Amino acid sequence: MTMLKTNSKKAKENVKKYIIDNYTPESYGEEAQSKKTFEEIAKYIYEASRNEKSYLVNRVSFHKLFEDWAQGLPSLLDTCYYCNRSAVDDLGTILEQTEEERNRYSEEQAEALLTYLIAREIEAVGR
């Protein structure tokens, strides 16, 4: 079995599931907690990240804005792969990588790619 291509349908579905599984709206109140579908969650994360990084809106791409937001370890989405969890492992699970394929990435490379994949799926709904 070979790893999934990042733009394959299965990889995109895995990223969406990852976003849903790592959505932690408790500190954002009832409106955030009412979001259940991927589309609702993605749109809410899109708006929250843009609101919280409003000084970057219209200055950088959504991907760069989202990366800055995610590196700040927001409470709305668990992005602890930046500090206390392996981004290589999280990405490897999403892309269904073997151990050998996972070892091709440094933690920094995996963080960047994982954040890009998450931002891509969120932006596709949020725009």
N, C-alpha and C. Protein backbone atom coordinates (compact mmCIF):
# COMPACT_ATOMS: atom_id res chain seq x y z
N MET A 1 0.85 -1.18 0.00
CA MET A 1 0.00 0.00 0.00
C MET A 1 0.89 1.24 0.00
N THR A 2 0.55 2.22 -0.81
CA THR A 2 1.32 3.45 -0.83
C THR A 2 0.51 4.56 -0.21
N MET A 3 1.24 5.58 0.22
CA MET A 3 0.56 6.69 0.89
C MET A 3 -0.39 7.42 -0.07
N LEU A 4 -1.37 8.06 0.51
CA LEU A 4 -2.34 8.82 -0.28
C LEU A 4 -1.71 10.10 -0.80
N LYS A 5 -2.13 10.51 -1.97
CA LYS A 5 -1.73 11.82 -2.49
C LYS A 5 -2.52 12.87 -1.69
N THR A 6 -1.91 14.00 -1.43
CA THR A 6 -2.56 15.01 -0.58
C THR A 6 -3.84 15.55 -1.17
N ASN A 7 -4.00 15.48 -2.49
CA ASN A 7 -5.22 15.99 -3.11
C ASN A 7 -6.22 14.90 -3.48
N SER A 8 -5.97 13.68 -3.00
CA SER A 8 -6.91 12.59 -3.28
C SER A 8 -8.18 12.77 -2.45
N LYS A 9 -9.26 12.21 -2.96
CA LYS A 9 -10.54 12.29 -2.26
C LYS A 9 -10.44 11.72 -0.85
N LYS A 10 -9.77 10.57 -0.71
CA LYS A 10 -9.63 9.91 0.60
C LYS A 10 -8.82 10.77 1.56
N ALA A 11 -7.73 11.38 1.09
CA ALA A 11 -6.92 12.26 1.96
C ALA A 11 -7.75 13.46 2.42
N LYS A 12 -8.52 14.04 1.51
CA LYS A 12 -9.36 15.18 1.88
C LYS A 12 -10.40 14.77 2.91
N GLU A 13 -11.00 13.60 2.73
CA GLU A 13 -11.97 13.10 3.72
C GLU A 13 -11.30 12.86 5.07
N ASN A 14 -10.07 12.34 5.06
CA ASN A 14 -9.34 12.12 6.30
C ASN A 14 -9.03 13.44 7.00
N VAL A 15 -8.70 14.48 6.23
CA VAL A 15 -8.43 15.80 6.81
C VAL A 15 -9.71 16.35 7.44
N LYS A 16 -10.82 16.21 6.76
CA LYS A 16 -12.10 16.69 7.30
C LYS A 16 -12.44 15.98 8.61
N LYS A 17 -12.23 14.68 8.65
CA LYS A 17 -12.47 13.92 9.88
C LYS A 17 -11.53 14.40 10.98
N TYR A 18 -10.28 14.65 10.64
CA TYR A 18 -9.29 15.15 11.60
C TYR A 18 -9.75 16.48 12.19
N ILE A 19 -10.26 17.37 11.34
CA ILE A 19 -10.74 18.67 11.80
C ILE A 19 -11.91 18.48 12.77
N ILE A 20 -12.87 17.65 12.40
CA ILE A 20 -14.03 17.39 13.26
C ILE A 20 -13.56 16.81 14.59
N ASP A 21 -12.67 15.83 14.54
CA ASP A 21 -12.19 15.17 15.76
C ASP A 21 -11.39 16.09 16.66
N ASN A 22 -10.77 17.13 16.10
CA ASN A 22 -9.94 18.04 16.88
C ASN A 22 -10.60 19.39 17.13
N TYR A 23 -11.87 19.50 16.81
CA TYR A 23 -12.66 20.71 17.07
C TYR A 23 -13.01 20.73 18.56
N THR A 24 -12.59 21.78 19.25
CA THR A 24 -12.80 21.88 20.70
C THR A 24 -13.46 23.22 21.02
N PRO A 25 -14.76 23.31 20.84
CA PRO A 25 -15.45 24.59 20.93
C PRO A 25 -15.88 25.02 22.34
N GLU A 26 -15.55 24.24 23.35
CA GLU A 26 -16.10 24.48 24.69
C GLU A 26 -15.90 25.91 25.19
N SER A 27 -14.75 26.50 24.95
CA SER A 27 -14.50 27.85 25.47
C SER A 27 -15.04 28.95 24.55
N TYR A 28 -15.67 28.56 23.46
CA TYR A 28 -16.22 29.54 22.53
C TYR A 28 -17.73 29.76 22.69
N GLY A 29 -18.35 29.05 23.59
CA GLY A 29 -19.76 29.27 23.86
C GLY A 29 -20.71 28.38 23.09
N GLU A 30 -21.99 28.65 23.30
CA GLU A 30 -23.05 27.80 22.75
C GLU A 30 -23.08 27.77 21.23
N GLU A 31 -22.86 28.92 20.59
CA GLU A 31 -22.91 28.93 19.13
C GLU A 31 -21.86 27.98 18.55
N ALA A 32 -20.65 28.06 19.05
CA ALA A 32 -19.58 27.17 18.56
C ALA A 32 -19.91 25.72 18.85
N GLN A 33 -20.46 25.46 20.03
CA GLN A 33 -20.79 24.10 20.42
C GLN A 33 -21.93 23.50 19.61
N SER A 34 -22.74 24.36 19.00
CA SER A 34 -23.88 23.87 18.21
C SER A 34 -23.45 23.36 16.83
N LYS A 35 -22.22 23.63 16.43
CA LYS A 35 -21.74 23.21 15.10
C LYS A 35 -21.41 21.73 15.13
N LYS A 36 -22.00 20.97 14.23
CA LYS A 36 -21.82 19.52 14.22
C LYS A 36 -21.28 18.98 12.90
N THR A 37 -21.71 19.54 11.78
CA THR A 37 -21.26 19.03 10.48
C THR A 37 -19.91 19.64 10.13
N PHE A 38 -19.19 19.00 9.21
CA PHE A 38 -17.91 19.55 8.79
C PHE A 38 -18.09 20.96 8.24
N GLU A 39 -19.10 21.18 7.44
CA GLU A 39 -19.31 22.49 6.83
C GLU A 39 -19.53 23.56 7.90
N GLU A 40 -20.34 23.26 8.90
CA GLU A 40 -20.59 24.22 9.98
C GLU A 40 -19.31 24.50 10.77
N ILE A 41 -18.59 23.45 11.09
CA ILE A 41 -17.35 23.58 11.87
C ILE A 41 -16.31 24.36 11.08
N ALA A 42 -16.12 24.01 9.81
CA ALA A 42 -15.12 24.68 8.98
C ALA A 42 -15.43 26.16 8.83
N LYS A 43 -16.68 26.48 8.58
CA LYS A 43 -17.07 27.89 8.43
C LYS A 43 -16.82 28.65 9.73
N TYR A 44 -17.13 28.03 10.86
CA TYR A 44 -16.92 28.68 12.16
C TYR A 44 -15.42 28.89 12.41
N ILE A 45 -14.61 27.90 12.13
CA ILE A 45 -13.16 28.04 12.31
C ILE A 45 -12.61 29.11 11.36
N TYR A 46 -13.10 29.11 10.15
CA TYR A 46 -12.66 30.12 9.16
C TYR A 46 -12.92 31.52 9.69
N GLU A 47 -14.14 31.76 10.14
CA GLU A 47 -14.49 33.09 10.65
C GLU A 47 -13.73 33.43 11.93
N ALA A 48 -13.61 32.48 12.84
CA ALA A 48 -12.91 32.73 14.10
C ALA A 48 -11.44 33.05 13.85
N SER A 49 -10.79 32.29 12.99
CA SER A 49 -9.37 32.55 12.72
C SER A 49 -9.18 33.91 12.06
N ARG A 50 -10.06 34.28 11.16
CA ARG A 50 -9.98 35.60 10.50
C ARG A 50 -10.27 36.72 11.49
N ASN A 51 -11.23 36.51 12.38
CA ASN A 51 -11.53 37.54 13.38
C ASN A 51 -10.37 37.72 14.37
N GLU A 52 -9.79 36.61 14.78
CA GLU A 52 -8.72 36.66 15.77
C GLU A 52 -7.40 37.14 15.17
N LYS A 53 -7.25 37.05 13.88
CA LYS A 53 -6.05 37.54 13.18
C LYS A 53 -6.45 38.60 12.16
N SER A 54 -7.39 39.46 12.54
CA SER A 54 -7.96 40.43 11.60
C SER A 54 -6.91 41.36 10.98
N TYR A 55 -5.83 41.63 11.72
CA TYR A 55 -4.79 42.49 11.18
C TYR A 55 -4.07 41.87 9.99
N LEU A 56 -4.23 40.56 9.79
CA LEU A 56 -3.60 39.87 8.66
C LEU A 56 -4.54 39.73 7.46
N VAL A 57 -5.84 39.92 7.68
CA VAL A 57 -6.81 39.79 6.58
C VAL A 57 -6.45 40.83 5.52
N ASN A 58 -6.47 40.44 4.28
CA ASN A 58 -6.12 41.28 3.12
C ASN A 58 -4.64 41.62 3.05
N ARG A 59 -3.82 41.06 3.94
CA ARG A 59 -2.37 41.29 3.88
C ARG A 59 -1.64 40.03 3.46
N VAL A 60 -2.17 38.89 3.85
CA VAL A 60 -1.54 37.60 3.52
C VAL A 60 -2.63 36.64 3.08
N SER A 61 -2.21 35.53 2.51
CA SER A 61 -3.17 34.50 2.09
C SER A 61 -3.85 33.92 3.33
N PHE A 62 -5.01 33.29 3.11
CA PHE A 62 -5.67 32.64 4.24
C PHE A 62 -4.75 31.58 4.84
N HIS A 63 -4.01 30.88 3.99
CA HIS A 63 -3.11 29.84 4.51
C HIS A 63 -2.11 30.41 5.51
N LYS A 64 -1.50 31.54 5.19
CA LYS A 64 -0.53 32.17 6.10
C LYS A 64 -1.23 32.66 7.37
N LEU A 65 -2.40 33.25 7.22
CA LEU A 65 -3.17 33.70 8.38
C LEU A 65 -3.50 32.51 9.27
N PHE A 66 -3.98 31.44 8.66
CA PHE A 66 -4.36 30.25 9.42
C PHE A 66 -3.15 29.63 10.11
N GLU A 67 -2.03 29.59 9.42
CA GLU A 67 -0.80 29.03 10.01
C GLU A 67 -0.41 29.83 11.27
N ASP A 68 -0.46 31.14 11.17
CA ASP A 68 -0.15 31.98 12.33
C ASP A 68 -1.12 31.70 13.47
N TRP A 69 -2.39 31.58 13.14
CA TRP A 69 -3.43 31.29 14.14
C TRP A 69 -3.19 29.93 14.77
N ALA A 70 -2.93 28.92 13.95
CA ALA A 70 -2.74 27.55 14.45
C ALA A 70 -1.50 27.44 15.33
N GLN A 71 -0.44 28.15 14.99
CA GLN A 71 0.78 28.11 15.79
C GLN A 71 0.57 28.73 17.18
N GLY A 72 -0.45 29.55 17.32
CA GLY A 72 -0.78 30.14 18.62
C GLY A 72 -1.57 29.19 19.51
N LEU A 73 -1.78 27.96 19.06
CA LEU A 73 -2.50 26.92 19.81
C LEU A 73 -3.89 27.40 20.25
N PRO A 74 -4.75 27.69 19.28
CA PRO A 74 -6.09 28.17 19.60
C PRO A 74 -6.89 27.12 20.36
N SER A 75 -7.78 27.58 21.21
CA SER A 75 -8.60 26.62 21.96
C SER A 75 -9.73 26.04 21.12
N LEU A 76 -10.02 26.63 19.97
CA LEU A 76 -11.11 26.17 19.11
C LEU A 76 -10.75 24.91 18.32
N LEU A 77 -9.47 24.74 18.01
CA LEU A 77 -9.00 23.61 17.23
C LEU A 77 -7.70 23.13 17.84
N ASP A 78 -7.64 21.85 18.16
CA ASP A 78 -6.44 21.29 18.77
C ASP A 78 -5.33 21.21 17.72
N THR A 79 -4.37 22.11 17.82
CA THR A 79 -3.21 22.12 16.93
C THR A 79 -1.93 21.86 17.73
N CYS A 80 -2.05 21.03 18.73
CA CYS A 80 -0.90 20.75 19.60
C CYS A 80 0.17 19.92 18.91
N TYR A 81 -0.02 19.59 17.65
CA TYR A 81 1.07 18.97 16.90
C TYR A 81 2.24 19.95 16.77
N TYR A 82 2.00 21.22 17.10
CA TYR A 82 3.08 22.20 17.13
C TYR A 82 3.93 22.11 18.40
N CYS A 83 3.41 21.47 19.44
CA CYS A 83 4.19 21.50 20.69
C CYS A 83 4.32 20.18 21.42
N ASN A 84 3.28 19.38 21.51
CA ASN A 84 3.41 18.19 22.35
C ASN A 84 2.85 16.90 21.74
N ARG A 85 2.66 16.93 20.45
CA ARG A 85 2.20 15.74 19.74
C ARG A 85 2.96 15.71 18.41
N SER A 86 3.17 14.57 17.85
CA SER A 86 3.95 14.46 16.63
C SER A 86 3.12 14.80 15.39
N ALA A 87 3.54 15.85 14.70
CA ALA A 87 2.91 16.20 13.43
C ALA A 87 3.18 15.11 12.40
N VAL A 88 4.34 14.47 12.49
CA VAL A 88 4.68 13.37 11.58
C VAL A 88 3.65 12.25 11.74
N ASP A 89 3.31 11.92 12.97
CA ASP A 89 2.33 10.86 13.21
C ASP A 89 0.94 11.26 12.75
N ASP A 90 0.52 12.50 13.07
CA ASP A 90 -0.81 12.96 12.66
C ASP A 90 -0.93 12.96 11.13
N LEU A 91 0.07 13.51 10.46
CA LEU A 91 0.07 13.56 9.00
C LEU A 91 0.12 12.14 8.43
N GLY A 92 0.94 11.30 9.03
CA GLY A 92 1.07 9.92 8.57
C GLY A 92 -0.24 9.16 8.63
N THR A 93 -1.01 9.42 9.67
CA THR A 93 -2.32 8.78 9.81
C THR A 93 -3.26 9.28 8.71
N ILE A 94 -3.29 10.58 8.50
CA ILE A 94 -4.16 11.17 7.48
C ILE A 94 -3.83 10.64 6.09
N LEU A 95 -2.53 10.58 5.78
CA LEU A 95 -2.10 10.15 4.44
C LEU A 95 -1.87 8.64 4.35
N GLU A 96 -2.19 7.92 5.44
CA GLU A 96 -2.06 6.46 5.49
C GLU A 96 -0.65 6.03 5.09
N GLN A 97 0.34 6.68 5.70
CA GLN A 97 1.74 6.42 5.39
C GLN A 97 2.29 5.24 6.18
N THR A 98 3.23 4.56 5.56
CA THR A 98 3.98 3.52 6.27
C THR A 98 5.01 4.22 7.16
N GLU A 99 5.65 3.48 8.02
CA GLU A 99 6.69 4.05 8.89
C GLU A 99 7.82 4.64 8.05
N GLU A 100 8.18 3.96 6.99
CA GLU A 100 9.24 4.46 6.10
C GLU A 100 8.84 5.79 5.45
N GLU A 101 7.60 5.88 5.00
CA GLU A 101 7.12 7.12 4.38
C GLU A 101 7.07 8.25 5.40
N ARG A 102 6.66 7.94 6.62
CA ARG A 102 6.62 8.96 7.68
C ARG A 102 8.01 9.51 7.98
N ASN A 103 9.00 8.65 7.92
CA ASN A 103 10.37 9.06 8.25
C ASN A 103 10.99 10.01 7.24
N ARG A 104 10.32 10.25 6.15
CA ARG A 104 10.82 11.20 5.14
C ARG A 104 10.59 12.64 5.55
N TYR A 105 9.73 12.85 6.54
CA TYR A 105 9.38 14.20 6.98
C TYR A 105 10.05 14.54 8.30
N SER A 106 10.53 15.79 8.42
CA SER A 106 10.92 16.31 9.73
C SER A 106 9.64 16.77 10.41
N GLU A 107 9.70 17.02 11.70
CA GLU A 107 8.51 17.54 12.40
C GLU A 107 8.07 18.87 11.77
N GLU A 108 9.02 19.73 11.43
CA GLU A 108 8.70 21.04 10.85
C GLU A 108 8.03 20.90 9.49
N GLN A 109 8.52 19.98 8.68
CA GLN A 109 7.90 19.74 7.37
C GLN A 109 6.48 19.20 7.55
N ALA A 110 6.32 18.29 8.48
CA ALA A 110 4.99 17.71 8.72
C ALA A 110 4.03 18.77 9.28
N GLU A 111 4.51 19.62 10.17
CA GLU A 111 3.67 20.71 10.70
C GLU A 111 3.18 21.60 9.57
N ALA A 112 4.09 21.98 8.69
CA ALA A 112 3.74 22.87 7.58
C ALA A 112 2.73 22.22 6.64
N LEU A 113 2.95 20.96 6.28
CA LEU A 113 2.04 20.28 5.37
C LEU A 113 0.69 20.01 6.03
N LEU A 114 0.69 19.57 7.26
CA LEU A 114 -0.56 19.32 7.97
C LEU A 114 -1.38 20.59 8.09
N THR A 115 -0.73 21.69 8.45
CA THR A 115 -1.44 22.97 8.57
C THR A 115 -1.99 23.41 7.22
N TYR A 116 -1.21 23.22 6.17
CA TYR A 116 -1.68 23.55 4.83
C TYR A 116 -2.92 22.74 4.46
N LEU A 117 -2.89 21.44 4.73
CA LEU A 117 -4.03 20.58 4.38
C LEU A 117 -5.29 20.98 5.16
N ILE A 118 -5.13 21.30 6.42
CA ILE A 118 -6.27 21.74 7.24
C ILE A 118 -6.80 23.06 6.71
N ALA A 119 -5.91 24.02 6.47
CA ALA A 119 -6.33 25.33 5.97
C ALA A 119 -7.04 25.20 4.63
N ARG A 120 -6.55 24.33 3.77
CA ARG A 120 -7.16 24.15 2.45
C ARG A 120 -8.61 23.71 2.56
N GLU A 121 -8.88 22.74 3.44
CA GLU A 121 -10.25 22.26 3.58
C GLU A 121 -11.15 23.29 4.26
N ILE A 122 -10.63 24.02 5.21
CA ILE A 122 -11.42 25.06 5.88
C ILE A 122 -11.71 26.21 4.93
N GLU A 123 -10.71 26.63 4.19
CA GLU A 123 -10.91 27.75 3.26
C GLU A 123 -11.90 27.39 2.16
N ALA A 124 -11.90 26.16 1.71
CA ALA A 124 -12.81 25.74 0.65
C ALA A 124 -14.27 25.93 1.05
N VAL A 125 -14.55 25.78 2.35
CA VAL A 125 -15.91 25.98 2.85
C VAL A 125 -16.15 27.43 3.28
N GLY A 126 -15.13 28.03 3.87
CA GLY A 126 -15.30 29.36 4.46
C GLY A 126 -15.43 30.50 3.48
N ARG A 127 -14.78 30.37 2.34
CA ARG A 127 -14.81 31.46 1.35
C ARG A 127 -16.20 31.84 0.95
